[in-house]
Amino acid sequence: MIQVSNKRRLGRSSGAAAARAPLFRLSLALLLLLALVLSGCSDQANSGPPVPEGKNEISGYVVKRDKNRFLLTSYSSGQGRGTEALWIRFKGDVPLGGRVAVELEGDIRTSYPGMGQAKSARLLDSSATAGSARPESSAVAEALARHAGLRVPVIKETRLDQASGQWAVILFDDDASPRRERTARVKGLDWGFSSREDSTLFTGYVVRKVGGRYLLTAYNGAPSSGRAEALLIHTGKSLRPGQLVEAFVSGGIDECYPAQGKAEDVQAIETDRPSGAFLLPEQAVARALERRLDPPLSVPAVKDIRYEAGTKSWTILLMDAMAEDDGESTIEVADQ
């Protein structure tokens, strides 16, 4: 019989354990590293738009505005969620629908949308495109007005059809599941006045009936434009305050303020009812215009429209085009 020494067995066992020890330490180190990576990814997913290392600037479209802040969103295909959204506090004025670059300062609040502070904001090139008298920012602003119920609007794509002169703005609500893309087709004409061969076109909201005439106003979102454009028209059609319309004016226009003219035709622009909403955007605007304000708005203009599904309410931002400081009024309208 061959006997095996206990010492030898123990020696072989100790050698195997010694060989496995480095592997154990390596596995533990890899697990710790993996935990750190996953933790970092988790934080980044909830932080809103990431700021590249060594750079404090982000860019995107201005899709909502309050008095001292605006919502900036952007879309990038093939990169994780593909969207970024950030509420930015800023004392300056940025146009709704404008594509802007923002220099941030301080920390970004981790939420979605995130929250941050802007040191400065500059409007990126938004000049009129060949084949259209209307810049991209104005087309995006009208698309946002038509889809005012989107909680976190994201502009996926804008393109201009040279043949028809129309903008196509593709957007979706990043707060909805599943995402449903919408395409707003916007004429290549700006808000307010634009020229035609034999007439003048005015695009804006009906805000008041004055005797047998209707007052139309349009805020185009450009800080340099000053007060909103306004037109008092005669027309044989019956219009309602709150409607978004195109008025074709023939003959001369009295260039006082508001301007005055006779409309040969007025066409209503259809607006979408937000998902889950009872009112149409034009009905919400009409109710806001009915409110008695102190002081009253001499020439009211619609500056922004938002629908909040959580509270079942609309927020309408009106300005007084005759006031030196715009005389802004924020009006809450119940969705019922």
C-alpha atoms as a PDB file:
ATOM      1  CA  MET A   1       0.000   0.000   0.000  1.00  0.00           C
ATOM      2  CA  ILE A   2       1.228   3.369  -0.856  1.00  0.00           C
ATOM      3  CA  GLN A   3       0.706   5.944   1.902  1.00  0.00           C
ATOM      4  CA  VAL A   4       0.400   9.643   1.225  1.00  0.00           C
ATOM      5  CA  SER A   5       1.777  12.028   3.815  1.00  0.00           C
ATOM      6  CA  ASN A   6      -0.652  14.471   5.419  1.00  0.00           C
ATOM      7  CA  LYS A   7       2.051  17.109   5.163  1.00  0.00           C
ATOM      8  CA  ARG A   8       2.235  16.677   1.442  1.00  0.00           C
ATOM      9  CA  ARG A   9      -1.520  17.000   1.067  1.00  0.00           C
ATOM     10  CA  LEU A  10      -1.545  20.156   3.117  1.00  0.00           C
ATOM     11  CA  GLY A  11       1.357  21.510   1.128  1.00  0.00           C
ATOM     12  CA  ARG A  12      -0.446  20.974  -2.167  1.00  0.00           C
ATOM     13  CA  SER A  13      -3.641  22.535  -0.772  1.00  0.00           C
ATOM     14  CA  SER A  14      -1.780  25.611   0.464  1.00  0.00           C
ATOM     15  CA  GLY A  15      -0.118  26.013  -2.918  1.00  0.00           C
ATOM     16  CA  ALA A  16      -3.491  25.979  -4.736  1.00  0.00           C
ATOM     17  CA  ALA A  17      -4.902  28.557  -2.343  1.00  0.00           C
ATOM     18  CA  ALA A  18      -1.859  30.716  -2.881  1.00  0.00           C
ATOM     19  CA  ALA A  19      -2.370  30.479  -6.638  1.00  0.00           C
ATOM     20  CA  ARG A  20      -6.059  31.378  -6.356  1.00  0.00           C
ATOM     21  CA  ALA A  21      -5.481  34.422  -4.103  1.00  0.00           C
ATOM     22  CA  PRO A  22      -4.322  36.799  -6.865  1.00  0.00           C
ATOM     23  CA  LEU A  23      -7.303  35.747  -9.008  1.00  0.00           C
ATOM     24  CA  PHE A  24      -9.680  36.504  -6.123  1.00  0.00           C
ATOM     25  CA  ARG A  25      -8.165  39.942  -5.594  1.00  0.00           C
ATOM     26  CA  LEU A  26      -8.384  40.667  -9.340  1.00  0.00           C
ATOM     27  CA  SER A  27     -12.055  39.614  -9.477  1.00  0.00           C
ATOM     28  CA  LEU A  28     -12.884  41.829  -6.482  1.00  0.00           C
ATOM     29  CA  ALA A  29     -11.147  44.794  -8.112  1.00  0.00           C
ATOM     30  CA  LEU A  30     -13.100  44.249 -11.349  1.00  0.00           C
ATOM     31  CA  LEU A  31     -16.407  44.091  -9.436  1.00  0.00           C
ATOM     32  CA  LEU A  32     -15.634  47.367  -7.647  1.00  0.00           C
ATOM     33  CA  LEU A  33     -14.709  49.035 -10.951  1.00  0.00           C
ATOM     34  CA  LEU A  34     -17.940  47.785 -12.575  1.00  0.00           C
ATOM     35  CA  ALA A  35     -20.000  49.165  -9.670  1.00  0.00           C
ATOM     36  CA  LEU A  36     -18.374  52.584 -10.064  1.00  0.00           C
ATOM     37  CA  VAL A  37     -19.051  52.624 -13.821  1.00  0.00           C
ATOM     38  CA  LEU A  38     -22.702  51.663 -13.357  1.00  0.00           C
ATOM     39  CA  SER A  39     -23.099  54.292 -10.646  1.00  0.00           C
ATOM     40  CA  GLY A  40     -21.649  56.967 -12.928  1.00  0.00           C
ATOM     41  CA  CYS A  41     -23.964  55.931 -15.791  1.00  0.00           C
ATOM     42  CA  SER A  42     -26.985  56.067 -13.493  1.00  0.00           C
ATOM     43  CA  ASP A  43     -26.184  59.619 -12.368  1.00  0.00           C
ATOM     44  CA  GLN A  44     -25.636  60.800 -15.926  1.00  0.00           C
ATOM     45  CA  ALA A  45     -28.941  59.369 -17.185  1.00  0.00           C
ATOM     46  CA  ASN A  46     -30.926  61.659 -14.845  1.00  0.00           C
ATOM     47  CA  SER A  47     -28.838  64.800 -15.146  1.00  0.00           C
ATOM     48  CA  GLY A  48     -30.411  66.318 -18.255  1.00  0.00           C
ATOM     49  CA  PRO A  49     -28.130  67.555 -21.046  1.00  0.00           C
ATOM     50  CA  PRO A  50     -24.528  66.619 -20.206  1.00  0.00           C
ATOM     51  CA  VAL A  51     -21.930  69.333 -20.454  1.00  0.00           C
ATOM     52  CA  PRO A  52     -18.755  68.095 -22.214  1.00  0.00           C
ATOM     53  CA  GLU A  53     -15.665  68.170 -20.039  1.00  0.00           C
ATOM     54  CA  GLY A  54     -13.991  71.554 -20.190  1.00  0.00           C
ATOM     55  CA  LYS A  55     -16.968  73.094 -22.002  1.00  0.00           C
ATOM     56  CA  ASN A  56     -19.946  74.930 -20.486  1.00  0.00           C
ATOM     57  CA  GLU A  57     -21.983  75.354 -23.663  1.00  0.00           C
ATOM     58  CA  ILE A  58     -25.034  73.446 -24.898  1.00  0.00           C
ATOM     59  CA  SER A  59     -27.355  74.128 -27.832  1.00  0.00           C
ATOM     60  CA  GLY A  60     -30.904  73.263 -28.848  1.00  0.00           C
ATOM     61  CA  TYR A  61     -34.333  74.729 -29.572  1.00  0.00           C
ATOM     62  CA  VAL A  62     -36.267  77.023 -27.222  1.00  0.00           C
ATOM     63  CA  VAL A  63     -39.590  75.156 -26.931  1.00  0.00           C
ATOM     64  CA  LYS A  64     -41.217  76.804 -23.883  1.00  0.00           C
ATOM     65  CA  ARG A  65     -40.753  80.047 -21.965  1.00  0.00           C
ATOM     66  CA  ASP A  66     -41.595  81.548 -18.604  1.00  0.00           C
ATOM     67  CA  LYS A  67     -40.706  85.053 -17.505  1.00  0.00           C
ATOM     68  CA  ASN A  68     -37.233  84.187 -16.206  1.00  0.00           C
ATOM     69  CA  ARG A  69     -36.523  80.784 -17.742  1.00  0.00           C
ATOM     70  CA  PHE A  70     -36.922  78.724 -20.891  1.00  0.00           C
ATOM     71  CA  LEU A  71     -36.963  75.039 -21.824  1.00  0.00           C
ATOM     72  CA  LEU A  72     -34.191  73.946 -24.185  1.00  0.00           C
ATOM     73  CA  THR A  73     -34.439  70.557 -25.905  1.00  0.00           C
ATOM     74  CA  SER A  74     -32.353  68.775 -28.509  1.00  0.00           C
ATOM     75  CA  TYR A  75     -32.425  65.507 -30.448  1.00  0.00           C
ATOM     76  CA  SER A  76     -29.563  63.308 -31.582  1.00  0.00           C
ATOM     77  CA  SER A  77     -30.166  59.950 -33.276  1.00  0.00           C
ATOM     78  CA  GLY A  78     -28.283  56.852 -32.207  1.00  0.00           C
ATOM     79  CA  GLN A  79     -27.116  58.102 -28.801  1.00  0.00           C
ATOM     80  CA  GLY A  80     -28.918  56.389 -25.916  1.00  0.00           C
ATOM     81  CA  ARG A  81     -32.126  58.231 -25.090  1.00  0.00           C
ATOM     82  CA  GLY A  82     -31.431  60.535 -28.005  1.00  0.00           C
ATOM     83  CA  THR A  83     -32.927  63.592 -26.323  1.00  0.00           C
ATOM     84  CA  GLU A  84     -31.821  66.253 -23.883  1.00  0.00           C
ATOM     85  CA  ALA A  85     -34.021  68.723 -21.980  1.00  0.00           C
ATOM     86  CA  LEU A  86     -33.062  71.521 -19.601  1.00  0.00           C
ATOM     87  CA  TRP A  87     -34.997  74.354 -17.956  1.00  0.00           C
ATOM     88  CA  ILE A  88     -32.602  77.313 -17.985  1.00  0.00           C
ATOM     89  CA  ARG A  89     -32.876  80.395 -15.812  1.00  0.00           C
ATOM     90  CA  PHE A  90     -32.034  83.469 -17.868  1.00  0.00           C
ATOM     91  CA  LYS A  91     -32.971  87.143 -17.473  1.00  0.00           C
ATOM     92  CA  GLY A  92     -32.559  87.978 -21.160  1.00  0.00           C
ATOM     93  CA  ASP A  93     -34.999  87.355 -23.998  1.00  0.00           C
ATOM     94  CA  VAL A  94     -34.749  84.383 -26.349  1.00  0.00           C
ATOM     95  CA  PRO A  95     -37.237  83.715 -29.170  1.00  0.00           C
ATOM     96  CA  LEU A  96     -39.613  80.782 -28.952  1.00  0.00           C
ATOM     97  CA  GLY A  97     -38.578  78.313 -31.665  1.00  0.00           C
ATOM     98  CA  GLY A  98     -35.090  79.765 -31.880  1.00  0.00           C
ATOM     99  CA  ARG A  99     -32.009  77.556 -31.982  1.00  0.00           C
ATOM    100  CA  VAL A 100     -29.650  78.912 -29.350  1.00  0.00           C
ATOM    101  CA  ALA A 101     -26.275  78.184 -27.797  1.00  0.00           C
ATOM    102  CA  VAL A 102     -26.197  78.640 -24.028  1.00  0.00           C
ATOM    103  CA  GLU A 103     -23.174  79.130 -21.785  1.00  0.00           C
ATOM    104  CA  LEU A 104     -23.995  77.591 -18.404  1.00  0.00           C
ATOM    105  CA  GLU A 105     -22.738  78.511 -14.973  1.00  0.00           C
ATOM    106  CA  GLY A 106     -23.024  76.628 -11.703  1.00  0.00           C
ATOM    107  CA  ASP A 107     -24.417  73.151 -11.155  1.00  0.00           C
ATOM    108  CA  ILE A 108     -27.143  71.386 -13.135  1.00  0.00           C
ATOM    109  CA  ARG A 109     -30.001  70.012 -11.043  1.00  0.00           C
ATOM    110  CA  THR A 110     -30.397  66.283 -11.666  1.00  0.00           C
ATOM    111  CA  SER A 111     -33.936  65.730 -12.925  1.00  0.00           C
ATOM    112  CA  TYR A 112     -35.620  65.361 -16.285  1.00  0.00           C
ATOM    113  CA  PRO A 113     -35.884  67.982 -17.584  1.00  0.00           C
ATOM    114  CA  GLY A 114     -32.803  69.232 -15.757  1.00  0.00           C
ATOM    115  CA  MET A 115     -32.467  72.743 -14.353  1.00  0.00           C
ATOM    116  CA  GLY A 116     -29.562  75.149 -14.764  1.00  0.00           C
ATOM    117  CA  GLN A 117     -28.466  78.771 -14.930  1.00  0.00           C
ATOM    118  CA  ALA A 118     -27.328  80.559 -18.090  1.00  0.00           C
ATOM    119  CA  LYS A 119     -24.437  82.982 -18.085  1.00  0.00           C
ATOM    120  CA  SER A 120     -25.266  83.982 -21.666  1.00  0.00           C
ATOM    121  CA  ALA A 121     -27.348  82.816 -24.630  1.00  0.00           C
ATOM    122  CA  ARG A 122     -26.879  83.577 -28.293  1.00  0.00           C
ATOM    123  CA  LEU A 123     -29.177  82.925 -31.230  1.00  0.00           C
ATOM    124  CA  LEU A 124     -27.657  80.651 -33.838  1.00  0.00           C
ATOM    125  CA  ASP A 125     -28.168  81.393 -37.544  1.00  0.00           C
ATOM    126  CA  SER A 126     -31.893  81.519 -38.225  1.00  0.00           C
ATOM    127  CA  SER A 127     -32.060  83.618 -41.362  1.00  0.00           C
ATOM    128  CA  ALA A 128     -34.678  83.010 -44.030  1.00  0.00           C
ATOM    129  CA  THR A 129     -33.888  80.069 -46.296  1.00  0.00           C
ATOM    130  CA  ALA A 130     -33.910  80.296 -50.073  1.00  0.00           C
ATOM    131  CA  GLY A 131     -37.461  79.654 -51.269  1.00  0.00           C
ATOM    132  CA  SER A 132     -39.015  80.907 -48.028  1.00  0.00           C
ATOM    133  CA  ALA A 133     -39.583  84.355 -46.588  1.00  0.00           C
ATOM    134  CA  ARG A 134     -39.734  82.773 -43.167  1.00  0.00           C
ATOM    135  CA  PRO A 135     -36.785  81.790 -40.951  1.00  0.00           C
ATOM    136  CA  GLU A 136     -36.655  78.360 -39.358  1.00  0.00           C
ATOM    137  CA  SER A 137     -37.236  79.780 -35.873  1.00  0.00           C
ATOM    138  CA  SER A 138     -40.567  81.282 -36.913  1.00  0.00           C
ATOM    139  CA  ALA A 139     -41.702  78.010 -38.526  1.00  0.00           C
ATOM    140  CA  VAL A 140     -40.764  76.092 -35.360  1.00  0.00           C
ATOM    141  CA  ALA A 141     -42.625  78.660 -33.210  1.00  0.00           C
ATOM    142  CA  GLU A 142     -45.814  78.142 -35.234  1.00  0.00           C
ATOM    143  CA  ALA A 143     -45.433  74.354 -35.036  1.00  0.00           C
ATOM    144  CA  LEU A 144     -45.124  74.649 -31.241  1.00  0.00           C
ATOM    145  CA  ALA A 145     -48.235  76.867 -31.143  1.00  0.00           C
ATOM    146  CA  ARG A 146     -50.207  74.231 -33.048  1.00  0.00           C
ATOM    147  CA  HIS A 147     -49.037  71.524 -30.628  1.00  0.00           C
ATOM    148  CA  ALA A 148     -49.212  73.538 -27.437  1.00  0.00           C
ATOM    149  CA  GLY A 149     -50.163  70.498 -25.357  1.00  0.00           C
ATOM    150  CA  LEU A 150     -46.791  68.747 -25.633  1.00  0.00           C
ATOM    151  CA  ARG A 151     -45.199  68.706 -22.173  1.00  0.00           C
ATOM    152  CA  VAL A 152     -41.566  68.330 -23.292  1.00  0.00           C
ATOM    153  CA  PRO A 153     -41.546  69.153 -27.031  1.00  0.00           C
ATOM    154  CA  VAL A 154     -38.510  67.935 -28.954  1.00  0.00           C
ATOM    155  CA  ILE A 155     -37.783  69.113 -32.491  1.00  0.00           C
ATOM    156  CA  LYS A 156     -36.567  66.061 -34.364  1.00  0.00           C
ATOM    157  CA  GLU A 157     -36.160  67.625 -37.804  1.00  0.00           C
ATOM    158  CA  THR A 158     -36.955  70.717 -39.857  1.00  0.00           C
ATOM    159  CA  ARG A 159     -36.834  70.842 -43.631  1.00  0.00           C
ATOM    160  CA  LEU A 160     -37.979  73.178 -46.370  1.00  0.00           C
ATOM    161  CA  ASP A 161     -39.761  71.935 -49.489  1.00  0.00           C
ATOM    162  CA  GLN A 162     -38.421  74.247 -52.201  1.00  0.00           C
ATOM    163  CA  ALA A 163     -41.263  73.375 -54.596  1.00  0.00           C
ATOM    164  CA  SER A 164     -44.124  74.316 -52.258  1.00  0.00           C
ATOM    165  CA  GLY A 165     -42.214  76.786 -50.105  1.00  0.00           C
ATOM    166  CA  GLN A 166     -43.479  74.977 -46.986  1.00  0.00           C
ATOM    167  CA  TRP A 167     -41.595  74.078 -43.840  1.00  0.00           C
ATOM    168  CA  ALA A 168     -42.063  70.599 -42.376  1.00  0.00           C
ATOM    169  CA  VAL A 169     -41.365  70.537 -38.635  1.00  0.00           C
ATOM    170  CA  ILE A 170     -41.235  67.042 -37.088  1.00  0.00           C
ATOM    171  CA  LEU A 171     -41.660  67.011 -33.319  1.00  0.00           C
ATOM    172  CA  PHE A 172     -42.736  64.744 -30.456  1.00  0.00           C
ATOM    173  CA  ASP A 173     -43.442  64.819 -26.722  1.00  0.00           C
ATOM    174  CA  ASP A 174     -40.475  63.367 -24.834  1.00  0.00           C
ATOM    175  CA  ASP A 175     -42.662  62.998 -21.731  1.00  0.00           C
ATOM    176  CA  ALA A 176     -45.123  60.684 -23.520  1.00  0.00           C
ATOM    177  CA  SER A 177     -44.852  56.914 -23.839  1.00  0.00           C
ATOM    178  CA  PRO A 178     -44.811  55.745 -26.512  1.00  0.00           C
ATOM    179  CA  ARG A 179     -43.462  58.694 -28.470  1.00  0.00           C
ATOM    180  CA  ARG A 180     -45.742  59.804 -31.301  1.00  0.00           C
ATOM    181  CA  GLU A 181     -44.177  61.963 -33.971  1.00  0.00           C
ATOM    182  CA  ARG A 182     -46.153  64.816 -35.459  1.00  0.00           C
ATOM    183  CA  THR A 183     -45.412  66.748 -38.621  1.00  0.00           C
ATOM    184  CA  ALA A 184     -46.496  70.385 -38.781  1.00  0.00           C
ATOM    185  CA  ARG A 185     -46.518  71.832 -42.287  1.00  0.00           C
ATOM    186  CA  VAL A 186     -46.004  75.558 -42.074  1.00  0.00           C
ATOM    187  CA  LYS A 187     -46.234  78.017 -44.921  1.00  0.00           C
ATOM    188  CA  GLY A 188     -42.994  79.797 -45.695  1.00  0.00           C
ATOM    189  CA  LEU A 189     -44.412  83.090 -44.538  1.00  0.00           C
ATOM    190  CA  ASP A 190     -43.743  84.897 -41.319  1.00  0.00           C
ATOM    191  CA  TRP A 191     -46.158  85.847 -38.520  1.00  0.00           C
ATOM    192  CA  GLY A 192     -47.701  89.235 -39.017  1.00  0.00           C
ATOM    193  CA  PHE A 193     -47.400  90.995 -42.380  1.00  0.00           C
ATOM    194  CA  SER A 194     -45.970  89.476 -45.548  1.00  0.00           C
ATOM    195  CA  SER A 195     -46.349  90.591 -49.133  1.00  0.00           C
ATOM    196  CA  ARG A 196     -48.124  88.857 -51.991  1.00  0.00           C
ATOM    197  CA  GLU A 197     -48.301  89.942 -55.640  1.00  0.00           C
ATOM    198  CA  ASP A 198     -51.812  91.372 -55.413  1.00  0.00           C
ATOM    199  CA  SER A 199     -52.471  91.447 -51.656  1.00  0.00           C
ATOM    200  CA  THR A 200     -50.935  91.504 -48.194  1.00  0.00           C
ATOM    201  CA  LEU A 201     -51.109  88.466 -45.914  1.00  0.00           C
ATOM    202  CA  PHE A 202     -51.396  88.779 -42.143  1.00  0.00           C
ATOM    203  CA  THR A 203     -50.993  85.690 -39.949  1.00  0.00           C
ATOM    204  CA  GLY A 204     -52.004  85.980 -36.305  1.00  0.00           C
ATOM    205  CA  TYR A 205     -54.636  85.524 -33.607  1.00  0.00           C
ATOM    206  CA  VAL A 206     -58.075  87.118 -33.506  1.00  0.00           C
ATOM    207  CA  VAL A 207     -57.990  88.891 -30.134  1.00  0.00           C
ATOM    208  CA  ARG A 208     -60.984  91.224 -30.144  1.00  0.00           C
ATOM    209  CA  LYS A 209     -64.096  92.286 -32.013  1.00  0.00           C
ATOM    210  CA  VAL A 210     -64.358  96.062 -32.382  1.00  0.00           C
ATOM    211  CA  GLY A 211     -67.745  97.038 -33.737  1.00  0.00           C
ATOM    212  CA  GLY A 212     -67.943  95.334 -37.130  1.00  0.00           C
ATOM    213  CA  ARG A 213     -64.193  94.774 -37.348  1.00  0.00           C
ATOM    214  CA  TYR A 214     -61.712  92.300 -35.896  1.00  0.00           C
ATOM    215  CA  LEU A 215     -58.350  92.998 -34.264  1.00  0.00           C
ATOM    216  CA  LEU A 216     -55.587  90.553 -35.209  1.00  0.00           C
ATOM    217  CA  THR A 217     -52.184  90.493 -33.505  1.00  0.00           C
ATOM    218  CA  ALA A 218     -48.984  88.503 -34.024  1.00  0.00           C
ATOM    219  CA  TYR A 219     -45.910  88.131 -31.821  1.00  0.00           C
ATOM    220  CA  ASN A 220     -43.070  86.700 -33.895  1.00  0.00           C
ATOM    221  CA  GLY A 221     -40.706  86.046 -31.011  1.00  0.00           C
ATOM    222  CA  ALA A 222     -37.796  88.196 -32.192  1.00  0.00           C
ATOM    223  CA  PRO A 223     -36.410  90.413 -29.402  1.00  0.00           C
ATOM    224  CA  SER A 224     -35.438  93.080 -31.947  1.00  0.00           C
ATOM    225  CA  SER A 225     -38.940  93.303 -33.391  1.00  0.00           C
ATOM    226  CA  GLY A 226     -40.293  95.405 -30.550  1.00  0.00           C
ATOM    227  CA  ARG A 227     -44.041  95.319 -30.092  1.00  0.00           C
ATOM    228  CA  ALA A 228     -46.251  92.744 -31.781  1.00  0.00           C
ATOM    229  CA  GLU A 229     -47.756  93.524 -35.177  1.00  0.00           C
ATOM    230  CA  ALA A 230     -51.463  94.376 -35.217  1.00  0.00           C
ATOM    231  CA  LEU A 231     -54.146  94.723 -37.899  1.00  0.00           C
ATOM    232  CA  LEU A 232     -57.774  95.843 -37.647  1.00  0.00           C
ATOM    233  CA  ILE A 233     -59.776  94.328 -40.536  1.00  0.00           C
ATOM    234  CA  HIS A 234     -63.181  94.563 -42.181  1.00  0.00           C
ATOM    235  CA  THR A 235     -64.425  91.161 -43.330  1.00  0.00           C
ATOM    236  CA  GLY A 236     -67.719  89.547 -44.263  1.00  0.00           C
ATOM    237  CA  LYS A 237     -66.745  86.401 -42.369  1.00  0.00           C
ATOM    238  CA  SER A 238     -67.690  85.679 -38.774  1.00  0.00           C
ATOM    239  CA  LEU A 239     -64.566  85.200 -36.650  1.00  0.00           C
ATOM    240  CA  ARG A 240     -64.041  84.239 -33.014  1.00  0.00           C
ATOM    241  CA  PRO A 241     -61.468  85.587 -30.553  1.00  0.00           C
ATOM    242  CA  GLY A 242     -58.743  82.995 -30.033  1.00  0.00           C
ATOM    243  CA  GLN A 243     -58.689  81.763 -33.639  1.00  0.00           C
ATOM    244  CA  LEU A 244     -55.367  81.554 -35.477  1.00  0.00           C
ATOM    245  CA  VAL A 245     -56.021  82.912 -38.970  1.00  0.00           C
ATOM    246  CA  GLU A 246     -54.549  84.106 -42.257  1.00  0.00           C
ATOM    247  CA  ALA A 247     -56.121  87.329 -43.542  1.00  0.00           C
ATOM    248  CA  PHE A 248     -55.635  88.369 -47.176  1.00  0.00           C
ATOM    249  CA  VAL A 249     -55.875  92.160 -47.419  1.00  0.00           C
ATOM    250  CA  SER A 250     -56.460  93.818 -50.789  1.00  0.00           C
ATOM    251  CA  GLY A 251     -56.129  97.509 -51.578  1.00  0.00           C
ATOM    252  CA  GLY A 252     -54.331  99.981 -49.373  1.00  0.00           C
ATOM    253  CA  ILE A 253     -53.520  99.579 -45.697  1.00  0.00           C
ATOM    254  CA  ASP A 254     -53.720 102.476 -43.282  1.00  0.00           C
ATOM    255  CA  GLU A 255     -50.315 102.245 -41.595  1.00  0.00           C
ATOM    256  CA  CYS A 256     -51.302 103.596 -38.197  1.00  0.00           C
ATOM    257  CA  TYR A 257     -51.071 101.338 -35.147  1.00  0.00           C
ATOM    258  CA  PRO A 258     -52.906  99.044 -35.253  1.00  0.00           C
ATOM    259  CA  ALA A 259     -52.889  99.071 -39.057  1.00  0.00           C
ATOM    260  CA  GLN A 260     -56.277  98.961 -40.796  1.00  0.00           C
ATOM    261  CA  GLY A 261     -57.474  97.324 -43.980  1.00  0.00           C
ATOM    262  CA  LYS A 262     -60.187  95.302 -45.730  1.00  0.00           C
ATOM    263  CA  ALA A 263     -59.741  91.523 -45.921  1.00  0.00           C
ATOM    264  CA  GLU A 264     -60.879  89.886 -49.142  1.00  0.00           C
ATOM    265  CA  ASP A 265     -60.549  86.477 -47.483  1.00  0.00           C
ATOM    266  CA  VAL A 266     -59.800  85.038 -44.035  1.00  0.00           C
ATOM    267  CA  GLN A 267     -58.825  81.394 -43.493  1.00  0.00           C
ATOM    268  CA  ALA A 268     -58.634  79.669 -40.114  1.00  0.00           C
ATOM    269  CA  ILE A 269     -55.492  77.642 -39.315  1.00  0.00           C
ATOM    270  CA  GLU A 270     -56.344  74.356 -37.617  1.00  0.00           C
ATOM    271  CA  THR A 271     -54.660  73.591 -34.293  1.00  0.00           C
ATOM    272  CA  ASP A 272     -54.361  70.152 -32.673  1.00  0.00           C
ATOM    273  CA  ARG A 273     -56.096  69.242 -29.431  1.00  0.00           C
ATOM    274  CA  PRO A 274     -53.431  67.998 -26.968  1.00  0.00           C
ATOM    275  CA  SER A 275     -53.697  64.366 -25.902  1.00  0.00           C
ATOM    276  CA  GLY A 276     -56.159  64.123 -23.006  1.00  0.00           C
ATOM    277  CA  ALA A 277     -57.267  67.775 -23.247  1.00  0.00           C
ATOM    278  CA  PHE A 278     -60.887  68.894 -23.398  1.00  0.00           C
ATOM    279  CA  LEU A 279     -60.260  72.340 -24.918  1.00  0.00           C
ATOM    280  CA  LEU A 280     -58.654  73.251 -28.215  1.00  0.00           C
ATOM    281  CA  PRO A 281     -55.788  75.788 -28.020  1.00  0.00           C
ATOM    282  CA  GLU A 282     -57.997  78.464 -29.616  1.00  0.00           C
ATOM    283  CA  GLN A 283     -60.675  77.888 -26.938  1.00  0.00           C
ATOM    284  CA  ALA A 284     -58.122  78.251 -24.160  1.00  0.00           C
ATOM    285  CA  VAL A 285     -56.826  81.487 -25.738  1.00  0.00           C
ATOM    286  CA  ALA A 286     -60.408  82.768 -26.037  1.00  0.00           C
ATOM    287  CA  ARG A 287     -61.022  82.209 -22.318  1.00  0.00           C
ATOM    288  CA  ALA A 288     -57.779  83.959 -21.433  1.00  0.00           C
ATOM    289  CA  LEU A 289     -58.789  86.950 -23.568  1.00  0.00           C
ATOM    290  CA  GLU A 290     -62.140  87.119 -21.722  1.00  0.00           C
ATOM    291  CA  ARG A 291     -60.436  87.675 -18.358  1.00  0.00           C
ATOM    292  CA  ARG A 292     -60.696  91.134 -16.862  1.00  0.00           C
ATOM    293  CA  LEU A 293     -57.168  92.293 -16.185  1.00  0.00           C
ATOM    294  CA  ASP A 294     -55.987  95.280 -14.161  1.00  0.00           C
ATOM    295  CA  PRO A 295     -54.720  97.199 -15.976  1.00  0.00           C
ATOM    296  CA  PRO A 296     -56.494  95.974 -19.127  1.00  0.00           C
ATOM    297  CA  LEU A 297     -54.462  95.124 -22.230  1.00  0.00           C
ATOM    298  CA  SER A 298     -54.940  97.776 -24.920  1.00  0.00           C
ATOM    299  CA  VAL A 299     -53.691  95.572 -27.787  1.00  0.00           C
ATOM    300  CA  PRO A 300     -53.374  91.992 -26.480  1.00  0.00           C
ATOM    301  CA  ALA A 301     -51.018  89.580 -28.247  1.00  0.00           C
ATOM    302  CA  VAL A 302     -50.509  85.875 -27.558  1.00  0.00           C
ATOM    303  CA  LYS A 303     -46.902  85.260 -26.604  1.00  0.00           C
ATOM    304  CA  ASP A 304     -47.037  81.613 -25.457  1.00  0.00           C
ATOM    305  CA  ILE A 305     -49.510  78.738 -24.907  1.00  0.00           C
ATOM    306  CA  ARG A 306     -48.920  75.669 -22.732  1.00  0.00           C
ATOM    307  CA  TYR A 307     -51.103  72.756 -21.650  1.00  0.00           C
ATOM    308  CA  GLU A 308     -50.323  70.872 -18.418  1.00  0.00           C
ATOM    309  CA  ALA A 309     -51.831  67.382 -18.454  1.00  0.00           C
ATOM    310  CA  GLY A 310     -51.020  66.790 -14.770  1.00  0.00           C
ATOM    311  CA  THR A 311     -53.126  69.724 -13.562  1.00  0.00           C
ATOM    312  CA  LYS A 312     -55.586  69.717 -16.477  1.00  0.00           C
ATOM    313  CA  SER A 313     -54.923  73.397 -17.070  1.00  0.00           C
ATOM    314  CA  TRP A 314     -53.658  75.833 -19.704  1.00  0.00           C
ATOM    315  CA  THR A 315     -51.157  78.651 -19.209  1.00  0.00           C
ATOM    316  CA  ILE A 316     -51.559  81.552 -21.636  1.00  0.00           C
ATOM    317  CA  LEU A 317     -48.938  84.304 -21.723  1.00  0.00           C
ATOM    318  CA  LEU A 318     -50.360  87.573 -23.079  1.00  0.00           C
ATOM    319  CA  MET A 319     -48.569  90.840 -23.715  1.00  0.00           C
ATOM    320  CA  ASP A 320     -49.814  94.373 -24.318  1.00  0.00           C
ATOM    321  CA  ALA A 321     -48.381  95.489 -27.650  1.00  0.00           C
ATOM    322  CA  MET A 322     -49.047  99.120 -26.721  1.00  0.00           C
ATOM    323  CA  ALA A 323     -47.188  98.999 -23.407  1.00  0.00           C
ATOM    324  CA  GLU A 324     -43.540 100.063 -23.231  1.00  0.00           C
ATOM    325  CA  ASP A 325     -42.652  97.094 -21.007  1.00  0.00           C
ATOM    326  CA  ASP A 326     -44.888  94.608 -22.924  1.00  0.00           C
ATOM    327  CA  GLY A 327     -47.261  94.440 -19.920  1.00  0.00           C
ATOM    328  CA  GLU A 328     -47.057  90.639 -19.710  1.00  0.00           C
ATOM    329  CA  SER A 329     -49.871  88.724 -18.015  1.00  0.00           C
ATOM    330  CA  THR A 330     -49.835  84.985 -17.238  1.00  0.00           C
ATOM    331  CA  ILE A 331     -53.342  83.521 -17.198  1.00  0.00           C
ATOM    332  CA  GLU A 332     -54.302  80.045 -15.971  1.00  0.00           C
ATOM    333  CA  VAL A 333     -57.307  78.439 -17.683  1.00  0.00           C
ATOM    334  CA  ALA A 334     -58.975  75.260 -16.396  1.00  0.00           C
ATOM    335  CA  ASP A 335     -59.305  72.571 -19.066  1.00  0.00           C
ATOM    336  CA  GLN A 336     -63.077  72.139 -18.802  1.00  0.00           C
END
